[in-house]
Amino acid sequence: MLRPEREPGGAGVTRRTLAGYGVLFATASGVALVAASGTAAPASVLDRTYSCTTVETRGARTIEVSATSGLRKGRKLTSLAQAIVSSGNDPSVPSGPPAFAAVVAGYPPPPSFPPGSLGIAARRCEPTRATVGLTSRRLRGGVAPAYQTYEQVKCYAPRTVLVRVRADFARPVALKPSRDRSLLVAVARLRSAEIAVRTPGGKPLAYAEVLDSGRARVFTARDCF
């Protein structure tokens, strides 16, 4: 059960433009997909858990969590809701910051934007059978603001973190690799999507949710900054 909503933020939270992030995985960036041999059969709900390797920067390993709600003008969205979990700077991802997972949702979408997408960093995350709860329990946060910029919160992390992504699509889809096989991507209208992150030892670090209404929520551990 989510805690009462309040806007996240505070000292140490940085704000950057969405354009600088490349609107990862997602939208009008035109990620080229190829057919995936051995890809699981399409399904309307994709629920995956991964073990992801963090990047060490200046002697410390962190994850970065960001989210923004969509902007709406009347009944139309002018931008989409999104949530992104990433870590450090990784030269193997030249197209933008190295996200572990990203979800984008909003309906009806602005012109030239797909109505939703899910992306996973295939080279930095491996499937795991570990259990990660989709909950904001023991975390703090609330509704993500609807800005043209996003707020990023950092959390200290071990060498690996566990990341679960659950996406509920309006039609069956399959995760497919990008042309360079660095990403696994599914593009279709998203009713809702959730990302949860915890350490292998069980400490919850983050939880985020996006809805096709354009709303996003984000929660992080109390010692994140």
Protein backbone atom coordinates (compact mmCIF):
# COMPACT_ATOMS: atom_id res chain seq x y z
CA MET A 1 0.00 0.00 0.00
CA LEU A 2 1.44 3.39 -0.94
CA ARG A 3 1.99 5.92 1.76
CA PRO A 4 0.18 9.28 1.75
CA GLU A 5 1.46 11.34 -1.13
CA ARG A 6 3.74 14.29 -0.79
CA GLU A 7 6.16 15.71 -3.28
CA PRO A 8 9.71 14.39 -3.01
CA GLY A 9 12.67 16.69 -2.94
CA GLY A 10 15.00 18.42 -0.56
CA ALA A 11 18.65 19.28 -0.25
CA GLY A 12 20.92 17.50 -2.66
CA VAL A 13 18.22 16.81 -5.26
CA THR A 14 19.41 17.84 -8.70
CA ARG A 15 17.21 18.86 -11.60
CA ARG A 16 18.16 18.36 -15.24
CA THR A 17 16.39 18.70 -18.54
CA LEU A 18 14.58 15.74 -20.02
CA ALA A 19 16.14 16.57 -23.35
CA GLY A 20 19.55 15.97 -21.79
CA TYR A 21 18.42 12.53 -20.78
CA GLY A 22 17.40 11.68 -24.32
CA VAL A 23 13.97 10.54 -23.06
CA LEU A 24 15.50 7.13 -22.71
CA PHE A 25 14.27 3.99 -24.40
CA ALA A 26 11.29 5.54 -25.27
CA THR A 27 9.78 7.98 -27.20
CA ALA A 28 10.67 9.91 -30.27
CA SER A 29 14.30 8.82 -30.09
CA GLY A 30 13.54 6.08 -32.60
CA VAL A 31 15.27 3.10 -31.01
CA ALA A 32 15.82 0.54 -33.79
CA LEU A 33 14.50 -2.89 -32.87
CA VAL A 34 15.32 -6.25 -34.40
CA ALA A 35 13.37 -9.50 -34.22
CA ALA A 36 14.49 -11.56 -31.25
CA SER A 37 14.95 -15.27 -31.72
CA GLY A 38 13.95 -17.14 -28.57
CA THR A 39 12.07 -14.14 -27.20
CA ALA A 40 9.27 -15.10 -24.81
CA ALA A 41 5.77 -15.11 -26.23
CA PRO A 42 4.02 -11.72 -26.19
CA ALA A 43 2.04 -10.92 -23.04
CA SER A 44 0.07 -7.93 -21.82
CA VAL A 45 1.87 -8.01 -18.45
CA LEU A 46 5.67 -8.17 -18.39
CA ASP A 47 7.11 -8.83 -14.93
CA ARG A 48 10.90 -9.23 -14.78
CA THR A 49 13.56 -9.10 -12.06
CA TYR A 50 17.24 -8.41 -12.76
CA SER A 51 20.56 -8.22 -10.96
CA CYS A 52 22.24 -5.02 -12.18
CA THR A 53 25.85 -3.90 -11.74
CA THR A 54 26.37 -0.38 -10.41
CA VAL A 55 29.12 1.97 -11.55
CA GLU A 56 31.79 3.25 -9.18
CA THR A 57 32.32 7.00 -9.45
CA ARG A 58 34.86 8.84 -7.28
CA GLY A 59 35.19 5.89 -4.97
CA ALA A 60 31.46 5.38 -4.36
CA ARG A 61 28.73 3.33 -5.98
CA THR A 62 25.28 4.86 -6.28
CA ILE A 63 22.01 4.47 -8.07
CA GLU A 64 20.12 7.46 -9.40
CA VAL A 65 16.32 7.56 -9.37
CA SER A 66 14.30 10.13 -11.29
CA ALA A 67 10.67 10.58 -12.24
CA THR A 68 8.36 13.20 -13.66
CA SER A 69 4.62 13.35 -14.19
CA GLY A 70 3.28 14.26 -17.60
CA LEU A 71 2.16 17.76 -18.44
CA ARG A 72 -1.47 18.09 -19.49
CA LYS A 73 -3.16 20.88 -21.44
CA GLY A 74 -6.88 20.35 -21.19
CA ARG A 75 -7.50 16.71 -22.02
CA LYS A 76 -4.25 16.35 -23.94
CA LEU A 77 -0.81 15.46 -22.63
CA THR A 78 2.08 17.59 -23.86
CA SER A 79 4.65 15.33 -22.20
CA LEU A 80 4.60 11.81 -20.78
CA ALA A 81 5.12 10.41 -17.30
CA GLN A 82 8.39 8.57 -16.83
CA ALA A 83 10.56 6.91 -14.21
CA ILE A 84 14.21 5.95 -14.61
CA VAL A 85 16.71 4.06 -12.45
CA SER A 86 20.36 4.39 -13.45
CA SER A 87 23.91 4.29 -12.07
CA GLY A 88 26.99 6.40 -12.71
CA ASN A 89 28.57 7.18 -16.07
CA ASP A 90 29.06 4.27 -18.44
CA PRO A 91 30.94 4.79 -21.76
CA SER A 92 29.30 1.65 -23.16
CA VAL A 93 26.03 3.57 -23.45
CA PRO A 94 26.85 6.49 -25.81
CA SER A 95 23.22 7.49 -26.42
CA GLY A 96 22.56 8.75 -22.90
CA PRO A 97 22.91 8.08 -19.18
CA PRO A 98 23.16 4.39 -18.28
CA ALA A 99 19.70 3.50 -17.10
CA PHE A 100 19.02 0.05 -15.64
CA ALA A 101 15.31 0.42 -16.35
CA ALA A 102 12.98 3.08 -17.69
CA VAL A 103 9.21 3.27 -18.11
CA VAL A 104 7.21 5.89 -19.98
CA ALA A 105 3.40 6.22 -20.03
CA GLY A 106 0.65 8.64 -20.98
CA TYR A 107 -2.52 8.48 -23.03
CA PRO A 108 -3.39 10.01 -25.37
CA PRO A 109 0.27 10.81 -26.10
CA PRO A 110 1.52 13.97 -27.82
CA PRO A 111 1.96 13.76 -31.62
CA SER A 112 4.90 11.57 -32.74
CA PHE A 113 5.21 9.98 -29.29
CA PRO A 114 4.31 6.33 -28.64
CA PRO A 115 1.78 5.83 -25.82
CA GLY A 116 4.21 3.98 -23.60
CA SER A 117 7.45 2.03 -23.43
CA LEU A 118 9.61 -0.14 -21.23
CA GLY A 119 13.39 -0.45 -21.48
CA ILE A 120 15.96 -2.64 -19.74
CA ALA A 121 19.76 -2.36 -19.95
CA ALA A 122 20.58 -5.79 -21.37
CA ARG A 123 24.35 -5.47 -20.94
CA ARG A 124 24.27 -4.28 -17.35
CA CYS A 125 21.43 -6.39 -15.95
CA GLU A 126 20.98 -10.15 -15.84
CA PRO A 127 17.75 -12.03 -15.05
CA THR A 128 17.49 -13.39 -11.52
CA ARG A 129 15.02 -15.49 -9.52
CA ALA A 130 15.36 -13.20 -6.50
CA THR A 131 12.17 -11.75 -5.01
CA VAL A 132 11.66 -7.97 -4.97
CA GLY A 133 8.43 -6.53 -3.58
CA LEU A 134 6.59 -3.82 -5.51
CA THR A 135 5.98 -1.54 -2.55
CA SER A 136 6.91 1.88 -1.16
CA ARG A 137 7.00 0.51 2.39
CA ARG A 138 9.95 1.89 4.40
CA LEU A 139 10.51 4.55 1.73
CA ARG A 140 9.56 8.23 1.49
CA GLY A 141 8.26 10.27 -1.41
CA GLY A 142 5.03 10.82 -3.31
CA VAL A 143 3.74 12.33 -6.54
CA ALA A 144 6.49 13.35 -8.96
CA PRO A 145 6.14 16.96 -10.15
CA ALA A 146 5.16 17.66 -13.75
CA TYR A 147 8.17 19.64 -14.92
CA GLN A 148 10.09 19.82 -18.16
CA THR A 149 12.97 18.87 -15.91
CA TYR A 150 13.30 15.87 -13.67
CA GLU A 151 14.47 15.54 -10.10
CA GLN A 152 17.20 13.00 -9.46
CA VAL A 153 17.82 11.35 -6.10
CA LYS A 154 21.00 9.38 -5.41
CA CYS A 155 21.30 6.39 -3.11
CA TYR A 156 24.53 4.67 -2.06
CA ALA A 157 24.45 1.08 -3.28
CA PRO A 158 26.53 -2.12 -3.29
CA ARG A 159 28.19 -3.57 -6.39
CA THR A 160 24.90 -5.11 -7.51
CA VAL A 161 21.28 -4.19 -6.93
CA LEU A 162 18.08 -6.09 -7.66
CA VAL A 163 15.64 -4.34 -9.99
CA ARG A 164 12.09 -5.53 -10.64
CA VAL A 165 9.98 -4.05 -13.41
CA ARG A 166 6.29 -4.81 -13.92
CA ALA A 167 4.48 -3.28 -16.89
CA ASP A 168 0.80 -3.69 -17.76
CA PHE A 169 0.28 -3.04 -21.48
CA ALA A 170 -3.02 -2.53 -23.26
CA ARG A 171 -2.12 -5.33 -25.70
CA PRO A 172 0.33 -8.25 -25.74
CA VAL A 173 3.94 -7.21 -26.40
CA ALA A 174 7.37 -8.82 -26.25
CA LEU A 175 10.70 -7.41 -25.09
CA LYS A 176 12.95 -7.12 -28.13
CA PRO A 177 16.65 -6.20 -28.35
CA SER A 178 17.75 -2.93 -29.88
CA ARG A 179 19.92 -3.12 -33.00
CA ASP A 180 23.12 -2.98 -30.95
CA ARG A 181 21.57 -5.36 -28.39
CA SER A 182 22.37 -3.04 -25.50
CA LEU A 183 18.69 -2.64 -24.61
CA LEU A 184 15.56 -4.73 -24.31
CA VAL A 185 12.57 -2.64 -25.33
CA ALA A 186 8.77 -2.96 -25.55
CA VAL A 187 6.72 -0.13 -27.04
CA ALA A 188 2.91 0.04 -26.69
CA ARG A 189 0.28 1.79 -24.61
CA LEU A 190 1.07 1.27 -20.94
CA ARG A 191 -1.79 1.18 -18.47
CA SER A 192 0.69 1.26 -15.61
CA ALA A 193 4.26 0.32 -14.79
CA GLU A 194 6.30 -0.10 -11.60
CA ILE A 195 10.00 -0.28 -10.80
CA ALA A 196 11.35 -1.44 -7.43
CA VAL A 197 15.01 -1.61 -6.34
CA ARG A 198 16.59 -3.25 -3.31
CA THR A 199 20.02 -4.46 -2.24
CA PRO A 200 20.82 -8.20 -2.27
CA GLY A 201 20.70 -8.00 1.53
CA GLY A 202 17.07 -6.89 1.48
CA LYS A 203 17.25 -3.11 1.99
CA PRO A 204 14.66 -1.31 -0.19
CA LEU A 205 16.17 1.60 -2.12
CA ALA A 206 13.48 2.87 -4.48
CA TYR A 207 9.99 2.42 -5.87
CA ALA A 208 8.44 4.28 -8.80
CA GLU A 209 5.16 4.06 -10.67
CA VAL A 210 3.81 5.63 -13.88
CA LEU A 211 0.18 5.59 -15.10
CA ASP A 212 -1.39 6.24 -18.48
CA SER A 213 -3.18 9.18 -16.88
CA GLY A 214 0.23 10.87 -16.96
CA ARG A 215 0.84 10.67 -13.22
CA ALA A 216 4.09 9.39 -11.74
CA ARG A 217 5.07 8.61 -8.16
CA VAL A 218 8.53 8.02 -6.76
CA PHE A 219 9.79 6.89 -3.35
CA THR A 220 13.36 6.38 -2.10
CA ALA A 221 15.16 5.28 1.07
CA ARG A 222 15.45 7.83 3.84
CA ASP A 223 19.24 8.00 3.56
CA CYS A 224 19.18 8.84 -0.15
CA PHE A 225 20.08 12.39 -1.07
